[in-house]
Amino acid sequence: MTLMLERPTTIEAADGPPPFQAMCQTLLTMEVPDGYRAEIVGGNIVMSPWSRGFYLPVMRSIRAQLEPHARKDHVVDHAPFLFTFPGEERAYGPDIYAAAASAFRTEARHIDGEALSFACELTSPATRLVDWQDKAPVYGRAGVPVYLLIDMEEAAATVFWSPSEKGYLSRTTVPFGGKLEIPDPFGCELDTSGFEVPSRTTTES
């Protein structure tokens, strides 16, 4: 039996990284172990564990609060879609996203990252460094207007905006329970009440 540790696992090609499009095809056709998802980070296919159950109420709350303020021609969802950034050799599956509805009128199994107006990631011990150190600068350089990072380990929410060639130029952080201003194209306030990790309980036998 193979033991899958709760940390990102990198899959490398035997003869070095293939071209980005070939890597996308590999990712979309490979067998990913149950409980894991695969993304392309820095020219490598990286597998990490799926979210824990208590992340769903947080994701649903974010979607419900932001959806009324999204662009009329954009959809807000948390379905598992892969968004590609060929110039960065990245392909991400954000936990929540807003993207142009027209981008989904395709038979392709990956979506152009340029369609995104918003991306949100909820960290886990396995993904936290990637969410902060890789995804934040890439989303910024790719021109995604707003990136929301829900740091479950630090119990804080950070919003990034003003994308540029160097990444995002602005960001604001509030602890869970506070209210966070989400800039244009949303121009609304996000209430982070209830985002806290539930307390663990023990059951005596």
N, C-alpha and C. Protein backbone atom coordinates (compact mmCIF):
# COMPACT_ATOMS: atom_id res chain seq x y z
N MET A 1 0.85 -1.19 0.00
CA MET A 1 0.00 0.00 0.00
C MET A 1 0.89 1.24 0.00
N THR A 2 0.49 2.24 -0.79
CA THR A 2 1.25 3.49 -0.86
C THR A 2 0.64 4.50 0.08
N LEU A 3 1.43 5.11 0.92
CA LEU A 3 0.98 6.12 1.86
C LEU A 3 1.15 7.50 1.24
N MET A 4 0.05 8.25 1.10
CA MET A 4 0.10 9.60 0.56
C MET A 4 0.14 10.59 1.71
N LEU A 5 1.24 11.29 1.91
CA LEU A 5 1.37 12.25 2.99
C LEU A 5 0.58 13.50 2.68
N GLU A 6 0.16 14.22 3.75
CA GLU A 6 -0.61 15.43 3.56
C GLU A 6 0.31 16.60 3.28
N ARG A 7 0.87 16.59 2.10
CA ARG A 7 1.73 17.68 1.64
C ARG A 7 1.73 17.62 0.13
N PRO A 8 2.06 18.72 -0.55
CA PRO A 8 2.10 18.68 -2.00
C PRO A 8 3.10 17.65 -2.50
N THR A 9 2.75 16.93 -3.55
CA THR A 9 3.62 15.93 -4.14
C THR A 9 3.90 16.33 -5.58
N THR A 10 5.16 16.47 -5.94
CA THR A 10 5.54 16.92 -7.28
C THR A 10 5.75 15.74 -8.21
N ILE A 11 5.16 15.83 -9.41
CA ILE A 11 5.33 14.81 -10.44
C ILE A 11 6.21 15.40 -11.52
N GLU A 12 7.38 14.81 -11.75
CA GLU A 12 8.30 15.34 -12.75
C GLU A 12 8.43 14.36 -13.91
N ALA A 13 8.53 14.93 -15.11
CA ALA A 13 8.74 14.08 -16.29
C ALA A 13 10.15 13.52 -16.28
N ALA A 14 10.30 12.31 -16.80
CA ALA A 14 11.60 11.64 -16.75
C ALA A 14 12.67 12.40 -17.51
N ASP A 15 12.31 13.04 -18.62
CA ASP A 15 13.29 13.73 -19.45
C ASP A 15 13.20 15.25 -19.29
N GLY A 16 12.79 15.71 -18.13
CA GLY A 16 12.68 17.14 -17.90
C GLY A 16 11.27 17.62 -18.18
N PRO A 17 10.95 18.85 -17.75
CA PRO A 17 9.60 19.37 -17.93
C PRO A 17 9.22 19.47 -19.40
N PRO A 18 8.05 18.94 -19.77
CA PRO A 18 7.60 19.07 -21.16
C PRO A 18 7.07 20.47 -21.41
N PRO A 19 6.80 20.82 -22.68
CA PRO A 19 6.18 22.11 -22.96
C PRO A 19 4.88 22.24 -22.18
N PHE A 20 4.48 23.48 -21.93
CA PHE A 20 3.34 23.71 -21.05
C PHE A 20 2.07 23.00 -21.52
N GLN A 21 1.77 23.09 -22.79
CA GLN A 21 0.54 22.46 -23.29
C GLN A 21 0.58 20.96 -23.10
N ALA A 22 1.73 20.36 -23.32
CA ALA A 22 1.86 18.92 -23.10
C ALA A 22 1.67 18.59 -21.63
N MET A 23 2.17 19.46 -20.76
CA MET A 23 2.00 19.22 -19.33
C MET A 23 0.53 19.32 -18.93
N CYS A 24 -0.19 20.27 -19.53
CA CYS A 24 -1.63 20.36 -19.26
C CYS A 24 -2.34 19.07 -19.65
N GLN A 25 -1.97 18.53 -20.81
CA GLN A 25 -2.59 17.29 -21.25
C GLN A 25 -2.27 16.15 -20.28
N THR A 26 -1.03 16.12 -19.82
CA THR A 26 -0.65 15.09 -18.85
C THR A 26 -1.47 15.21 -17.58
N LEU A 27 -1.61 16.44 -17.08
CA LEU A 27 -2.36 16.66 -15.85
C LEU A 27 -3.81 16.23 -16.01
N LEU A 28 -4.42 16.57 -17.16
CA LEU A 28 -5.84 16.30 -17.35
C LEU A 28 -6.14 14.84 -17.63
N THR A 29 -5.13 14.07 -17.97
CA THR A 29 -5.37 12.65 -18.27
C THR A 29 -4.79 11.71 -17.22
N MET A 30 -4.00 12.24 -16.28
CA MET A 30 -3.38 11.38 -15.29
C MET A 30 -4.40 10.95 -14.23
N GLU A 31 -4.13 9.83 -13.60
CA GLU A 31 -4.96 9.34 -12.52
C GLU A 31 -4.49 9.97 -11.20
N VAL A 32 -5.34 10.83 -10.65
CA VAL A 32 -5.01 11.50 -9.39
C VAL A 32 -5.60 10.69 -8.25
N PRO A 33 -4.83 10.37 -7.22
CA PRO A 33 -5.35 9.58 -6.10
C PRO A 33 -6.57 10.22 -5.46
N ASP A 34 -7.46 9.41 -4.96
CA ASP A 34 -8.64 9.92 -4.26
C ASP A 34 -8.22 10.86 -3.13
N GLY A 35 -8.92 11.99 -3.03
CA GLY A 35 -8.62 12.94 -1.97
C GLY A 35 -7.56 13.96 -2.34
N TYR A 36 -7.08 13.92 -3.59
CA TYR A 36 -6.04 14.85 -4.04
C TYR A 36 -6.49 15.58 -5.29
N ARG A 37 -5.91 16.74 -5.52
CA ARG A 37 -6.12 17.48 -6.76
C ARG A 37 -4.76 17.81 -7.33
N ALA A 38 -4.73 18.09 -8.62
CA ALA A 38 -3.46 18.37 -9.28
C ALA A 38 -3.49 19.75 -9.93
N GLU A 39 -2.38 20.48 -9.80
CA GLU A 39 -2.20 21.77 -10.44
C GLU A 39 -0.80 21.81 -11.04
N ILE A 40 -0.54 22.84 -11.84
CA ILE A 40 0.80 23.04 -12.38
C ILE A 40 1.39 24.26 -11.71
N VAL A 41 2.50 24.07 -11.02
CA VAL A 41 3.15 25.14 -10.26
C VAL A 41 4.63 25.15 -10.65
N GLY A 42 5.08 26.25 -11.23
CA GLY A 42 6.49 26.38 -11.57
C GLY A 42 7.00 25.33 -12.54
N GLY A 43 6.16 24.93 -13.50
CA GLY A 43 6.60 23.96 -14.48
C GLY A 43 6.54 22.52 -14.02
N ASN A 44 5.96 22.27 -12.84
CA ASN A 44 5.80 20.91 -12.33
C ASN A 44 4.35 20.63 -11.99
N ILE A 45 3.93 19.39 -12.13
CA ILE A 45 2.61 18.98 -11.69
C ILE A 45 2.70 18.68 -10.20
N VAL A 46 1.84 19.35 -9.43
CA VAL A 46 1.87 19.22 -7.97
C VAL A 46 0.51 18.73 -7.49
N MET A 47 0.50 17.67 -6.71
CA MET A 47 -0.73 17.15 -6.13
C MET A 47 -0.80 17.56 -4.66
N SER A 48 -1.97 17.99 -4.22
CA SER A 48 -2.17 18.36 -2.82
C SER A 48 -3.55 17.88 -2.38
N PRO A 49 -3.75 17.71 -1.06
CA PRO A 49 -5.03 17.18 -0.59
C PRO A 49 -6.18 18.13 -0.85
N TRP A 50 -7.37 17.55 -1.07
CA TRP A 50 -8.59 18.36 -1.17
C TRP A 50 -8.89 18.98 0.18
N SER A 51 -9.81 19.96 0.18
CA SER A 51 -10.14 20.70 1.38
C SER A 51 -10.88 19.84 2.40
N ARG A 52 -10.77 20.23 3.67
CA ARG A 52 -11.54 19.61 4.73
C ARG A 52 -12.99 20.10 4.66
N GLY A 53 -13.88 19.32 5.29
CA GLY A 53 -15.31 19.62 5.19
C GLY A 53 -15.71 20.99 5.66
N PHE A 54 -15.07 21.50 6.74
CA PHE A 54 -15.50 22.78 7.28
C PHE A 54 -15.12 23.96 6.40
N TYR A 55 -14.37 23.71 5.33
CA TYR A 55 -14.06 24.79 4.40
C TYR A 55 -15.30 25.17 3.57
N LEU A 56 -16.22 24.23 3.37
CA LEU A 56 -17.36 24.49 2.49
C LEU A 56 -18.22 25.66 2.97
N PRO A 57 -18.60 25.75 4.27
CA PRO A 57 -19.39 26.92 4.68
C PRO A 57 -18.68 28.24 4.43
N VAL A 58 -17.35 28.25 4.57
CA VAL A 58 -16.59 29.48 4.29
C VAL A 58 -16.69 29.82 2.81
N MET A 59 -16.49 28.84 1.95
CA MET A 59 -16.56 29.08 0.51
C MET A 59 -17.95 29.52 0.09
N ARG A 60 -18.98 28.92 0.66
CA ARG A 60 -20.35 29.29 0.31
C ARG A 60 -20.66 30.71 0.78
N SER A 61 -20.14 31.09 1.94
CA SER A 61 -20.36 32.44 2.44
C SER A 61 -19.71 33.47 1.53
N ILE A 62 -18.47 33.21 1.12
CA ILE A 62 -17.76 34.14 0.23
C ILE A 62 -18.51 34.29 -1.09
N ARG A 63 -18.91 33.15 -1.65
CA ARG A 63 -19.63 33.20 -2.93
C ARG A 63 -20.93 33.98 -2.79
N ALA A 64 -21.70 33.72 -1.73
CA ALA A 64 -22.99 34.39 -1.56
C ALA A 64 -22.82 35.89 -1.38
N GLN A 65 -21.76 36.30 -0.70
CA GLN A 65 -21.55 37.73 -0.46
C GLN A 65 -21.05 38.47 -1.70
N LEU A 66 -20.24 37.80 -2.52
CA LEU A 66 -19.64 38.49 -3.66
C LEU A 66 -20.48 38.40 -4.93
N GLU A 67 -21.24 37.33 -5.07
CA GLU A 67 -21.97 37.11 -6.33
C GLU A 67 -22.86 38.28 -6.73
N PRO A 68 -23.60 38.91 -5.81
CA PRO A 68 -24.46 40.04 -6.23
C PRO A 68 -23.68 41.24 -6.76
N HIS A 69 -22.38 41.29 -6.48
CA HIS A 69 -21.56 42.44 -6.88
C HIS A 69 -20.65 42.15 -8.07
N ALA A 70 -20.70 40.93 -8.58
CA ALA A 70 -19.84 40.56 -9.71
C ALA A 70 -20.33 41.21 -11.00
N ARG A 71 -19.47 41.26 -11.97
CA ARG A 71 -19.86 41.77 -13.29
C ARG A 71 -21.01 40.91 -13.83
N LYS A 72 -21.92 41.54 -14.54
CA LYS A 72 -23.11 40.83 -15.01
C LYS A 72 -22.76 39.69 -15.96
N ASP A 73 -21.66 39.82 -16.68
CA ASP A 73 -21.29 38.79 -17.64
C ASP A 73 -20.29 37.79 -17.04
N HIS A 74 -20.13 37.81 -15.71
CA HIS A 74 -19.22 36.88 -15.04
C HIS A 74 -20.01 35.95 -14.11
N VAL A 75 -19.46 34.76 -13.92
CA VAL A 75 -20.05 33.80 -13.00
C VAL A 75 -19.13 33.66 -11.79
N VAL A 76 -19.74 33.43 -10.62
CA VAL A 76 -19.00 33.18 -9.39
C VAL A 76 -19.33 31.78 -8.93
N ASP A 77 -18.30 30.97 -8.71
CA ASP A 77 -18.56 29.57 -8.36
C ASP A 77 -17.38 28.99 -7.61
N HIS A 78 -17.57 27.77 -7.10
CA HIS A 78 -16.45 27.04 -6.49
C HIS A 78 -16.36 25.63 -7.07
N ALA A 79 -16.85 25.47 -8.31
CA ALA A 79 -16.69 24.20 -9.00
C ALA A 79 -15.23 24.03 -9.41
N PRO A 80 -14.76 22.79 -9.51
CA PRO A 80 -13.34 22.56 -9.81
C PRO A 80 -13.00 22.75 -11.28
N PHE A 81 -12.54 23.94 -11.64
CA PHE A 81 -12.06 24.21 -12.99
C PHE A 81 -10.59 24.61 -12.93
N LEU A 82 -9.87 24.26 -13.98
CA LEU A 82 -8.45 24.55 -14.06
C LEU A 82 -8.25 25.77 -14.96
N PHE A 83 -7.62 26.81 -14.42
CA PHE A 83 -7.33 28.03 -15.17
C PHE A 83 -5.84 28.08 -15.49
N THR A 84 -5.52 28.32 -16.76
CA THR A 84 -4.13 28.24 -17.20
C THR A 84 -3.51 29.62 -17.41
N PHE A 85 -2.20 29.67 -17.10
CA PHE A 85 -1.39 30.87 -17.28
C PHE A 85 -0.11 30.43 -18.00
N PRO A 86 -0.18 30.25 -19.32
CA PRO A 86 0.96 29.68 -20.06
C PRO A 86 2.26 30.45 -19.89
N GLY A 87 2.19 31.78 -19.85
CA GLY A 87 3.41 32.56 -19.72
C GLY A 87 4.12 32.34 -18.40
N GLU A 88 3.40 31.87 -17.42
CA GLU A 88 3.97 31.61 -16.09
C GLU A 88 4.19 30.11 -15.85
N GLU A 89 3.80 29.28 -16.83
CA GLU A 89 3.84 27.83 -16.68
C GLU A 89 3.09 27.39 -15.42
N ARG A 90 1.89 27.93 -15.29
CA ARG A 90 1.04 27.62 -14.14
C ARG A 90 -0.35 27.23 -14.62
N ALA A 91 -1.01 26.40 -13.84
CA ALA A 91 -2.42 26.06 -14.04
C ALA A 91 -3.00 25.81 -12.67
N TYR A 92 -3.93 26.67 -12.26
CA TYR A 92 -4.47 26.62 -10.91
C TYR A 92 -5.95 26.27 -10.93
N GLY A 93 -6.40 25.62 -9.87
CA GLY A 93 -7.81 25.37 -9.64
C GLY A 93 -8.24 26.11 -8.39
N PRO A 94 -8.55 27.41 -8.48
CA PRO A 94 -8.88 28.20 -7.28
C PRO A 94 -10.09 27.65 -6.55
N ASP A 95 -10.10 27.84 -5.24
CA ASP A 95 -11.22 27.36 -4.44
C ASP A 95 -12.52 28.07 -4.81
N ILE A 96 -12.43 29.36 -5.08
CA ILE A 96 -13.57 30.16 -5.54
C ILE A 96 -13.05 31.07 -6.65
N TYR A 97 -13.88 31.36 -7.61
CA TYR A 97 -13.45 32.22 -8.71
C TYR A 97 -14.63 33.01 -9.25
N ALA A 98 -14.33 34.10 -9.93
CA ALA A 98 -15.28 34.81 -10.79
C ALA A 98 -14.61 34.94 -12.14
N ALA A 99 -15.33 34.58 -13.18
CA ALA A 99 -14.74 34.57 -14.52
C ALA A 99 -15.82 34.85 -15.56
N ALA A 100 -15.37 35.33 -16.71
CA ALA A 100 -16.30 35.61 -17.80
C ALA A 100 -17.06 34.36 -18.21
N ALA A 101 -18.38 34.47 -18.27
CA ALA A 101 -19.21 33.31 -18.63
C ALA A 101 -18.85 32.78 -20.02
N SER A 102 -18.44 33.68 -20.92
CA SER A 102 -18.11 33.27 -22.28
C SER A 102 -16.94 32.30 -22.33
N ALA A 103 -16.06 32.34 -21.32
CA ALA A 103 -14.87 31.48 -21.32
C ALA A 103 -15.23 30.01 -21.16
N PHE A 104 -16.44 29.72 -20.69
CA PHE A 104 -16.83 28.34 -20.44
C PHE A 104 -17.59 27.74 -21.63
N ARG A 105 -17.74 28.50 -22.69
CA ARG A 105 -18.37 27.97 -23.90
C ARG A 105 -17.32 27.27 -24.74
N THR A 106 -16.79 26.21 -24.20
CA THR A 106 -15.70 25.48 -24.85
C THR A 106 -15.75 24.02 -24.43
N GLU A 107 -15.21 23.16 -25.28
CA GLU A 107 -15.09 21.75 -24.92
C GLU A 107 -13.77 21.47 -24.21
N ALA A 108 -12.92 22.48 -24.12
CA ALA A 108 -11.63 22.30 -23.45
C ALA A 108 -11.85 22.04 -21.96
N ARG A 109 -10.88 21.34 -21.36
CA ARG A 109 -10.97 21.02 -19.94
C ARG A 109 -10.14 21.97 -19.08
N HIS A 110 -9.61 22.99 -19.72
CA HIS A 110 -8.97 24.05 -18.94
C HIS A 110 -9.39 25.40 -19.52
N ILE A 111 -9.42 26.42 -18.67
CA ILE A 111 -9.95 27.74 -19.02
C ILE A 111 -8.82 28.76 -19.00
N ASP A 112 -8.87 29.69 -19.95
CA ASP A 112 -7.86 30.75 -20.03
C ASP A 112 -7.91 31.60 -18.76
N GLY A 113 -6.78 31.73 -18.08
CA GLY A 113 -6.71 32.52 -16.86
C GLY A 113 -7.08 33.98 -17.06
N GLU A 114 -7.00 34.48 -18.30
CA GLU A 114 -7.36 35.88 -18.56
C GLU A 114 -8.84 36.14 -18.32
N ALA A 115 -9.64 35.08 -18.23
CA ALA A 115 -11.07 35.24 -18.01
C ALA A 115 -11.40 35.60 -16.57
N LEU A 116 -10.46 35.41 -15.66
CA LEU A 116 -10.71 35.63 -14.23
C LEU A 116 -10.81 37.11 -13.87
N SER A 117 -11.80 37.44 -13.06
CA SER A 117 -11.84 38.76 -12.42
C SER A 117 -11.59 38.64 -10.93
N PHE A 118 -11.57 37.40 -10.42
CA PHE A 118 -11.41 37.17 -8.99
C PHE A 118 -10.96 35.73 -8.77
N ALA A 119 -10.03 35.54 -7.86
CA ALA A 119 -9.61 34.20 -7.44
C ALA A 119 -9.48 34.20 -5.94
N CYS A 120 -9.86 33.08 -5.33
CA CYS A 120 -9.78 32.96 -3.88
C CYS A 120 -9.21 31.59 -3.53
N GLU A 121 -8.27 31.58 -2.61
CA GLU A 121 -7.70 30.34 -2.11
C GLU A 121 -7.85 30.28 -0.59
N LEU A 122 -8.21 29.11 -0.09
CA LEU A 122 -8.23 28.84 1.35
C LEU A 122 -7.01 27.98 1.64
N THR A 123 -6.16 28.43 2.55
CA THR A 123 -4.93 27.71 2.80
C THR A 123 -5.17 26.45 3.62
N SER A 124 -4.22 25.55 3.51
CA SER A 124 -4.11 24.39 4.38
C SER A 124 -2.63 24.24 4.69
N PRO A 125 -2.25 23.41 5.66
CA PRO A 125 -0.82 23.23 5.90
C PRO A 125 -0.08 22.77 4.65
N ALA A 126 -0.77 22.04 3.76
CA ALA A 126 -0.12 21.53 2.56
C ALA A 126 0.06 22.59 1.48
N THR A 127 -0.83 23.59 1.44
CA THR A 127 -0.84 24.53 0.31
C THR A 127 -0.47 25.96 0.68
N ARG A 128 -0.27 26.24 1.95
CA ARG A 128 -0.15 27.63 2.40
C ARG A 128 0.99 28.38 1.71
N LEU A 129 2.15 27.79 1.61
CA LEU A 129 3.28 28.48 0.99
C LEU A 129 3.03 28.75 -0.49
N VAL A 130 2.42 27.79 -1.18
CA VAL A 130 2.11 28.00 -2.60
C VAL A 130 1.09 29.12 -2.76
N ASP A 131 0.07 29.13 -1.91
CA ASP A 131 -0.97 30.17 -2.00
C ASP A 131 -0.39 31.56 -1.79
N TRP A 132 0.57 31.69 -0.86
CA TRP A 132 1.18 32.98 -0.58
C TRP A 132 2.31 33.33 -1.55
N GLN A 133 3.22 32.41 -1.74
CA GLN A 133 4.47 32.73 -2.43
C GLN A 133 4.44 32.49 -3.93
N ASP A 134 3.55 31.64 -4.40
CA ASP A 134 3.48 31.36 -5.84
C ASP A 134 2.23 31.97 -6.46
N LYS A 135 1.07 31.67 -5.90
CA LYS A 135 -0.17 32.11 -6.54
C LYS A 135 -0.37 33.62 -6.45
N ALA A 136 -0.06 34.22 -5.31
CA ALA A 136 -0.27 35.67 -5.18
C ALA A 136 0.49 36.46 -6.26
N PRO A 137 1.80 36.24 -6.44
CA PRO A 137 2.49 37.01 -7.48
C PRO A 137 2.05 36.64 -8.90
N VAL A 138 1.74 35.38 -9.13
CA VAL A 138 1.32 34.97 -10.48
C VAL A 138 -0.03 35.57 -10.84
N TYR A 139 -1.00 35.48 -9.94
CA TYR A 139 -2.30 36.11 -10.21
C TYR A 139 -2.12 37.60 -10.48
N GLY A 140 -1.24 38.25 -9.71
CA GLY A 140 -1.01 39.68 -9.91
C GLY A 140 -0.39 39.99 -11.26
N ARG A 141 0.65 39.25 -11.62
CA ARG A 141 1.31 39.49 -12.91
C ARG A 141 0.39 39.16 -14.08
N ALA A 142 -0.52 38.20 -13.86
CA ALA A 142 -1.46 37.80 -14.93
C ALA A 142 -2.61 38.78 -15.09
N GLY A 143 -2.72 39.75 -14.17
CA GLY A 143 -3.75 40.77 -14.31
C GLY A 143 -5.09 40.42 -13.70
N VAL A 144 -5.16 39.40 -12.84
CA VAL A 144 -6.41 39.09 -12.15
C VAL A 144 -6.71 40.25 -11.20
N PRO A 145 -7.85 40.94 -11.35
CA PRO A 145 -8.08 42.17 -10.59
C PRO A 145 -8.05 42.01 -9.08
N VAL A 146 -8.59 40.89 -8.56
CA VAL A 146 -8.68 40.71 -7.11
C VAL A 146 -8.31 39.28 -6.75
N TYR A 147 -7.43 39.14 -5.76
CA TYR A 147 -7.07 37.83 -5.20
C TYR A 147 -7.36 37.87 -3.71
N LEU A 148 -8.18 36.94 -3.26
CA LEU A 148 -8.54 36.84 -1.84
C LEU A 148 -7.89 35.60 -1.26
N LEU A 149 -7.10 35.79 -0.21
CA LEU A 149 -6.39 34.68 0.42
C LEU A 149 -6.94 34.51 1.84
N ILE A 150 -7.59 33.38 2.06
CA ILE A 150 -8.15 33.06 3.36
C ILE A 150 -7.16 32.14 4.07
N ASP A 151 -6.43 32.71 5.00
CA ASP A 151 -5.37 31.97 5.70
C ASP A 151 -5.98 31.28 6.91
N MET A 152 -6.31 30.00 6.75
CA MET A 152 -6.97 29.24 7.81
C MET A 152 -6.04 28.99 8.99
N GLU A 153 -4.74 28.97 8.74
CA GLU A 153 -3.78 28.75 9.83
C GLU A 153 -3.61 30.01 10.69
N GLU A 154 -3.64 31.17 10.06
CA GLU A 154 -3.46 32.44 10.78
C GLU A 154 -4.79 33.08 11.17
N ALA A 155 -5.91 32.48 10.74
CA ALA A 155 -7.25 33.03 11.02
C ALA A 155 -7.34 34.48 10.57
N ALA A 156 -6.96 34.72 9.30
CA ALA A 156 -6.98 36.08 8.76
C ALA A 156 -7.29 36.02 7.26
N ALA A 157 -7.88 37.09 6.76
CA ALA A 157 -8.21 37.20 5.34
C ALA A 157 -7.44 38.37 4.75
N THR A 158 -6.81 38.14 3.61
CA THR A 158 -6.05 39.18 2.92
C THR A 158 -6.58 39.35 1.51
N VAL A 159 -6.84 40.57 1.11
CA VAL A 159 -7.25 40.85 -0.25
C VAL A 159 -6.12 41.60 -0.96
N PHE A 160 -5.79 41.16 -2.17
CA PHE A 160 -4.78 41.78 -3.02
C PHE A 160 -5.49 42.44 -4.20
N TRP A 161 -5.01 43.61 -4.63
CA TRP A 161 -5.55 44.25 -5.81
C TRP A 161 -4.48 45.14 -6.44
N SER A 162 -4.85 45.83 -7.49
CA SER A 162 -3.92 46.63 -8.31
C SER A 162 -2.83 45.74 -8.91
N PRO A 163 -3.21 44.81 -9.82
CA PRO A 163 -2.22 43.94 -10.44
C PRO A 163 -1.26 44.72 -11.34
N SER A 164 -0.03 44.22 -11.42
CA SER A 164 0.98 44.85 -12.27
C SER A 164 1.97 43.78 -12.73
N GLU A 165 2.91 44.19 -13.55
CA GLU A 165 3.92 43.25 -14.03
C GLU A 165 4.78 42.71 -12.90
N LYS A 166 4.79 43.39 -11.78
CA LYS A 166 5.58 42.95 -10.62
C LYS A 166 4.72 42.22 -9.58
N GLY A 167 3.44 42.04 -9.89
CA GLY A 167 2.53 41.43 -8.94
C GLY A 167 1.56 42.47 -8.42
N TYR A 168 0.87 42.16 -7.33
CA TYR A 168 -0.09 43.11 -6.77
C TYR A 168 0.63 44.24 -6.04
N LEU A 169 0.08 45.44 -6.19
CA LEU A 169 0.67 46.61 -5.57
C LEU A 169 0.02 46.96 -4.23
N SER A 170 -1.17 46.42 -3.97
CA SER A 170 -1.88 46.76 -2.75
C SER A 170 -2.47 45.51 -2.10
N ARG A 171 -2.55 45.55 -0.76
CA ARG A 171 -3.21 44.47 -0.05
C ARG A 171 -3.64 44.94 1.33
N THR A 172 -4.67 44.30 1.86
CA THR A 172 -5.19 44.60 3.19
C THR A 172 -5.54 43.28 3.87
N THR A 173 -5.28 43.21 5.18
CA THR A 173 -5.54 42.00 5.96
C THR A 173 -6.42 42.34 7.16
N VAL A 174 -7.39 41.47 7.45
CA VAL A 174 -8.19 41.59 8.67
C VAL A 174 -8.25 40.21 9.33
N PRO A 175 -8.31 40.16 10.66
CA PRO A 175 -8.51 38.87 11.32
C PRO A 175 -9.92 38.37 11.10
N PHE A 176 -10.11 37.06 11.19
CA PHE A 176 -11.45 36.50 11.07
C PHE A 176 -12.38 37.15 12.09
N GLY A 177 -13.58 37.43 11.63
CA GLY A 177 -14.55 38.14 12.44
C GLY A 177 -14.68 39.59 12.03
N GLY A 178 -13.66 40.10 11.29
CA GLY A 178 -13.69 41.48 10.82
C GLY A 178 -14.34 41.59 9.46
N LYS A 179 -14.43 42.82 8.97
CA LYS A 179 -15.00 43.08 7.65
C LYS A 179 -13.91 43.61 6.74
N LEU A 180 -13.87 43.06 5.54
CA LEU A 180 -12.80 43.35 4.59
C LEU A 180 -13.37 44.01 3.36
N GLU A 181 -12.81 45.14 2.99
CA GLU A 181 -13.26 45.85 1.78
C GLU A 181 -12.71 45.13 0.54
N ILE A 182 -13.61 44.68 -0.33
CA ILE A 182 -13.21 44.04 -1.58
C ILE A 182 -13.29 45.10 -2.68
N PRO A 183 -12.18 45.43 -3.31
CA PRO A 183 -12.16 46.53 -4.29
C PRO A 183 -12.85 46.17 -5.60
N ASP A 184 -12.87 47.14 -6.51
CA ASP A 184 -13.43 46.91 -7.85
C ASP A 184 -12.74 45.73 -8.52
N PRO A 185 -13.48 44.96 -9.31
CA PRO A 185 -14.81 45.25 -9.85
C PRO A 185 -15.98 44.87 -8.95
N PHE A 186 -15.73 44.56 -7.68
CA PHE A 186 -16.82 44.20 -6.77
C PHE A 186 -17.29 45.41 -5.96
N GLY A 187 -16.37 46.11 -5.32
CA GLY A 187 -16.73 47.28 -4.56
C GLY A 187 -17.72 46.98 -3.45
N CYS A 188 -17.39 45.97 -2.62
CA CYS A 188 -18.30 45.57 -1.56
C CYS A 188 -17.50 45.20 -0.31
N GLU A 189 -18.22 44.85 0.73
CA GLU A 189 -17.62 44.49 2.00
C GLU A 189 -17.84 43.01 2.27
N LEU A 190 -16.78 42.30 2.69
CA LEU A 190 -16.87 40.89 3.00
C LEU A 190 -16.84 40.71 4.51
N ASP A 191 -17.89 40.10 5.05
CA ASP A 191 -17.95 39.80 6.48
C ASP A 191 -17.33 38.43 6.71
N THR A 192 -16.24 38.38 7.48
CA THR A 192 -15.53 37.12 7.70
C THR A 192 -15.97 36.41 8.98
N SER A 193 -17.08 36.81 9.55
CA SER A 193 -17.60 36.13 10.74
C SER A 193 -17.90 34.67 10.41
N GLY A 194 -17.52 33.78 11.28
CA GLY A 194 -17.79 32.36 11.07
C GLY A 194 -16.75 31.64 10.25
N PHE A 195 -15.65 32.32 9.88
CA PHE A 195 -14.61 31.68 9.10
C PHE A 195 -13.65 30.87 9.96
N GLU A 196 -13.75 30.99 11.27
CA GLU A 196 -12.81 30.33 12.16
C GLU A 196 -12.87 28.81 12.05
N VAL A 197 -11.73 28.18 12.28
CA VAL A 197 -11.68 26.72 12.31
C VAL A 197 -12.47 26.23 13.51
N PRO A 198 -13.38 25.27 13.34
CA PRO A 198 -14.17 24.80 14.47
C PRO A 198 -13.29 24.14 15.53
N SER A 199 -13.68 24.31 16.78
CA SER A 199 -12.92 23.71 17.88
C SER A 199 -13.03 22.20 17.81
N ARG A 200 -11.91 21.54 18.08
CA ARG A 200 -11.93 20.09 18.08
C ARG A 200 -12.55 19.58 19.38
N THR A 201 -13.34 18.54 19.25
CA THR A 201 -13.96 17.94 20.42
C THR A 201 -13.48 16.51 20.55
N THR A 202 -13.39 16.04 21.74
CA THR A 202 -12.97 14.66 21.95
C THR A 202 -14.14 13.86 22.54
N THR A 203 -14.21 12.61 22.18
CA THR A 203 -15.27 11.74 22.64
C THR A 203 -14.67 10.64 23.49
N GLU A 204 -15.12 10.55 24.71
CA GLU A 204 -14.61 9.54 25.60
C GLU A 204 -15.38 8.23 25.38
N SER A 205 -14.66 7.14 25.34
CA SER A 205 -15.32 5.84 25.11
C SER A 205 -15.80 5.27 26.43
